[in-house]
N, C-alpha and C. Protein backbone atom coordinates (compact mmCIF):
# COMPACT_ATOMS: atom_id res chain seq x y z
N MET A 1 5.02 135.43 46.54
CA MET A 1 4.45 133.85 45.91
C MET A 1 4.11 133.37 47.00
N ALA A 2 4.95 133.30 47.97
CA ALA A 2 4.73 132.38 49.23
C ALA A 2 3.61 132.91 50.11
N GLN A 3 3.46 134.35 49.91
CA GLN A 3 2.46 135.00 50.96
C GLN A 3 0.86 134.52 50.71
N PRO A 4 0.47 134.56 49.33
CA PRO A 4 -0.53 133.90 49.21
C PRO A 4 -1.17 132.27 49.33
N ARG A 5 0.02 131.66 49.33
CA ARG A 5 -0.18 130.28 49.76
C ARG A 5 -0.16 130.11 51.17
N VAL A 6 0.65 130.97 51.69
CA VAL A 6 0.44 130.91 53.59
C VAL A 6 -0.98 131.46 54.03
N ALA A 7 -1.45 132.28 53.02
CA ALA A 7 -2.55 133.00 53.54
C ALA A 7 -3.82 131.84 53.64
N LEU A 8 -3.48 131.63 52.34
CA LEU A 8 -4.48 130.32 51.93
C LEU A 8 -4.51 129.19 52.77
N GLN A 9 -3.42 128.61 53.42
CA GLN A 9 -3.39 127.60 53.89
C GLN A 9 -4.00 128.18 55.71
N LEU A 10 -3.60 129.50 56.05
CA LEU A 10 -4.12 129.70 57.54
C LEU A 10 -5.86 129.99 57.47
N GLY A 11 -6.21 130.46 56.10
CA GLY A 11 -7.62 130.25 55.81
C GLY A 11 -8.31 128.85 56.09
N ILE A 12 -7.60 127.91 54.94
CA ILE A 12 -8.18 126.59 55.28
C ILE A 12 -8.00 125.97 56.67
N LYS A 13 -6.97 126.20 57.56
CA LYS A 13 -6.93 125.74 58.94
C LYS A 13 -7.63 126.53 59.59
N ARG A 14 -8.31 127.53 59.51
CA ARG A 14 -9.32 128.29 60.17
C ARG A 14 -10.66 127.81 60.28
N ARG A 15 -10.96 127.77 58.96
CA ARG A 15 -12.24 127.10 58.49
C ARG A 15 -12.36 125.77 59.11
N ARG A 16 -11.32 124.82 59.28
CA ARG A 16 -11.56 123.45 59.67
C ARG A 16 -11.71 123.72 61.20
N GLN A 17 -11.05 124.40 61.80
CA GLN A 17 -11.22 124.66 63.19
C GLN A 17 -12.82 124.96 63.99
N SER A 18 -12.96 126.11 62.72
CA SER A 18 -14.50 126.81 62.81
C SER A 18 -15.59 125.76 62.54
N HIS A 19 -15.36 124.60 61.51
CA HIS A 19 -16.21 123.62 61.37
C HIS A 19 -16.08 122.79 62.58
N HIS A 20 -15.15 122.45 63.09
CA HIS A 20 -14.72 121.41 64.06
C HIS A 20 -15.69 122.36 65.33
N HIS A 21 -15.44 123.44 65.49
CA HIS A 21 -16.09 124.05 66.76
C HIS A 21 -17.88 124.07 66.42
N ALA A 22 -18.28 123.82 65.17
CA ALA A 22 -19.90 124.26 65.17
C ALA A 22 -20.22 123.07 65.68
N HIS A 23 -19.86 121.66 65.38
CA HIS A 23 -20.09 120.53 65.95
C HIS A 23 -20.37 120.57 67.35
N GLU A 24 -19.71 121.71 68.24
CA GLU A 24 -19.85 121.26 69.28
C GLU A 24 -20.73 122.31 70.18
N ARG A 25 -21.66 122.85 69.64
CA ARG A 25 -22.25 124.15 69.86
C ARG A 25 -23.56 123.26 70.64
N GLU A 26 -24.37 124.17 71.74
CA GLU A 26 -25.33 123.81 72.14
C GLU A 26 -26.61 123.29 71.35
N PRO A 27 -27.41 122.18 71.76
CA PRO A 27 -28.54 122.10 70.84
C PRO A 27 -29.48 123.26 70.50
N MET A 28 -29.94 123.28 69.59
CA MET A 28 -31.17 123.98 69.20
C MET A 28 -31.99 124.29 70.27
N THR A 29 -32.43 125.28 70.36
CA THR A 29 -33.38 125.76 71.61
C THR A 29 -34.70 126.55 70.94
N MET A 30 -34.85 126.66 69.49
CA MET A 30 -35.99 127.17 69.18
C MET A 30 -37.03 126.14 69.32
N THR A 31 -38.48 126.90 69.43
CA THR A 31 -39.41 125.95 69.08
C THR A 31 -39.70 125.89 67.56
N ASP A 32 -40.84 124.91 67.24
CA ASP A 32 -41.21 124.69 65.91
C ASP A 32 -41.65 125.79 65.25
N GLY A 33 -42.39 126.32 65.87
CA GLY A 33 -42.71 128.14 65.12
C GLY A 33 -41.70 128.87 64.95
N GLU A 34 -40.81 129.19 66.12
CA GLU A 34 -39.91 130.14 65.81
C GLU A 34 -38.96 129.81 64.74
N ARG A 35 -38.59 128.50 64.57
CA ARG A 35 -37.74 127.61 63.64
C ARG A 35 -38.49 128.10 62.28
N ALA A 36 -39.77 127.86 62.21
CA ALA A 36 -40.38 128.08 60.67
C ALA A 36 -40.65 129.73 60.53
N THR A 37 -40.54 130.46 61.59
CA THR A 37 -40.77 132.07 61.34
C THR A 37 -39.34 132.24 60.77
N TYR A 38 -38.30 131.56 61.22
CA TYR A 38 -36.87 131.83 60.81
C TYR A 38 -36.72 131.54 59.48
N ARG A 39 -37.12 130.03 59.19
CA ARG A 39 -37.09 129.97 57.74
C ARG A 39 -37.66 130.59 56.76
N LEU A 40 -38.79 131.00 57.01
CA LEU A 40 -39.54 131.90 56.43
C LEU A 40 -39.10 133.35 56.07
N SER A 41 -38.07 133.64 57.03
CA SER A 41 -37.56 135.17 57.05
C SER A 41 -36.12 135.06 56.01
N LEU A 42 -35.81 133.92 56.13
CA LEU A 42 -34.55 133.28 55.17
C LEU A 42 -35.08 133.22 53.64
N ALA A 43 -36.23 132.50 53.87
CA ALA A 43 -36.80 132.36 52.37
C ALA A 43 -37.22 133.84 51.80
N LEU A 44 -37.89 134.73 52.59
CA LEU A 44 -38.00 136.07 51.86
C LEU A 44 -37.27 136.68 51.28
N SER A 45 -35.94 136.92 52.24
CA SER A 45 -34.67 137.63 52.23
C SER A 45 -34.13 137.16 50.75
N GLY A 46 -34.08 135.71 50.50
CA GLY A 46 -33.79 135.27 49.60
C GLY A 46 -34.34 135.40 48.02
N GLU A 47 -35.51 135.72 48.39
CA GLU A 47 -36.62 136.13 47.17
C GLU A 47 -35.99 137.38 47.01
N ALA A 48 -36.08 138.09 48.09
CA ALA A 48 -36.05 139.90 47.72
C ALA A 48 -34.55 140.11 46.93
N SER A 49 -33.48 139.24 47.40
CA SER A 49 -32.19 139.20 46.84
C SER A 49 -32.31 139.06 45.58
N SER A 50 -32.91 138.09 45.16
CA SER A 50 -33.09 137.64 43.74
C SER A 50 -33.74 138.63 43.02
N GLU A 51 -34.92 139.35 43.71
CA GLU A 51 -35.38 140.49 42.65
C GLU A 51 -34.50 141.51 42.75
N ALA A 52 -33.94 141.86 43.53
CA ALA A 52 -33.04 143.04 43.54
C ALA A 52 -32.02 142.82 42.24
N VAL A 53 -31.31 141.36 42.27
CA VAL A 53 -30.22 141.28 41.34
C VAL A 53 -31.12 141.23 40.21
N ARG A 54 -32.61 140.88 39.59
CA ARG A 54 -33.43 140.90 38.49
C ARG A 54 -33.15 142.19 37.88
N VAL A 55 -33.76 143.21 38.81
CA VAL A 55 -33.81 144.48 38.63
C VAL A 55 -32.51 145.19 38.13
N ILE A 56 -31.63 144.85 38.67
CA ILE A 56 -30.02 145.48 38.64
C ILE A 56 -29.63 145.12 37.44
N VAL A 57 -29.89 143.96 36.83
CA VAL A 57 -29.64 143.35 35.61
C VAL A 57 -30.50 143.89 34.55
N ALA A 58 -31.79 144.22 34.86
CA ALA A 58 -32.73 144.93 33.85
C ALA A 58 -32.40 146.27 33.30
N VAL A 59 -32.13 146.92 34.61
CA VAL A 59 -31.50 148.19 34.49
C VAL A 59 -29.88 148.34 33.62
N LEU A 60 -29.24 147.38 34.10
CA LEU A 60 -28.01 147.71 33.36
C LEU A 60 -27.91 147.25 31.79
N SER A 61 -28.96 146.19 31.69
CA SER A 61 -29.34 145.61 30.39
C SER A 61 -29.79 147.09 29.22
N ARG A 62 -30.47 147.73 30.19
CA ARG A 62 -31.25 148.87 29.44
C ARG A 62 -30.28 150.07 29.16
N ALA A 63 -29.67 150.19 30.33
CA ALA A 63 -28.76 151.34 29.95
C ALA A 63 -27.58 150.69 28.62
N ALA A 64 -27.45 149.46 28.75
CA ALA A 64 -26.32 149.24 27.50
C ALA A 64 -26.86 149.33 26.08
N THR A 65 -28.16 148.87 26.40
CA THR A 65 -29.01 149.24 24.98
C THR A 65 -28.86 150.76 24.75
N ASP A 66 -29.41 151.54 25.79
CA ASP A 66 -29.42 152.87 25.44
C ASP A 66 -28.07 153.59 24.94
N ASP A 67 -26.83 153.01 25.52
CA ASP A 67 -25.73 153.57 24.76
C ASP A 67 -25.29 153.15 23.72
N SER A 68 -25.92 152.07 23.01
CA SER A 68 -25.39 151.74 21.87
C SER A 68 -26.09 152.34 20.58
């Protein structure tokens, strides 16, 4: 019982340390164009992920209907 609790506490401690170090990083060096390109790639990646989930759910729903 203590092992999961200790693992959770260590995870929380590491997350806090990581969060603290994130504020000590160098300032952003991307240009506005590079930042816009990066944000667009994230948005497209998110849309692609969303579409993949939609397709998988549709296929699974169809398979469940066919099995009935």
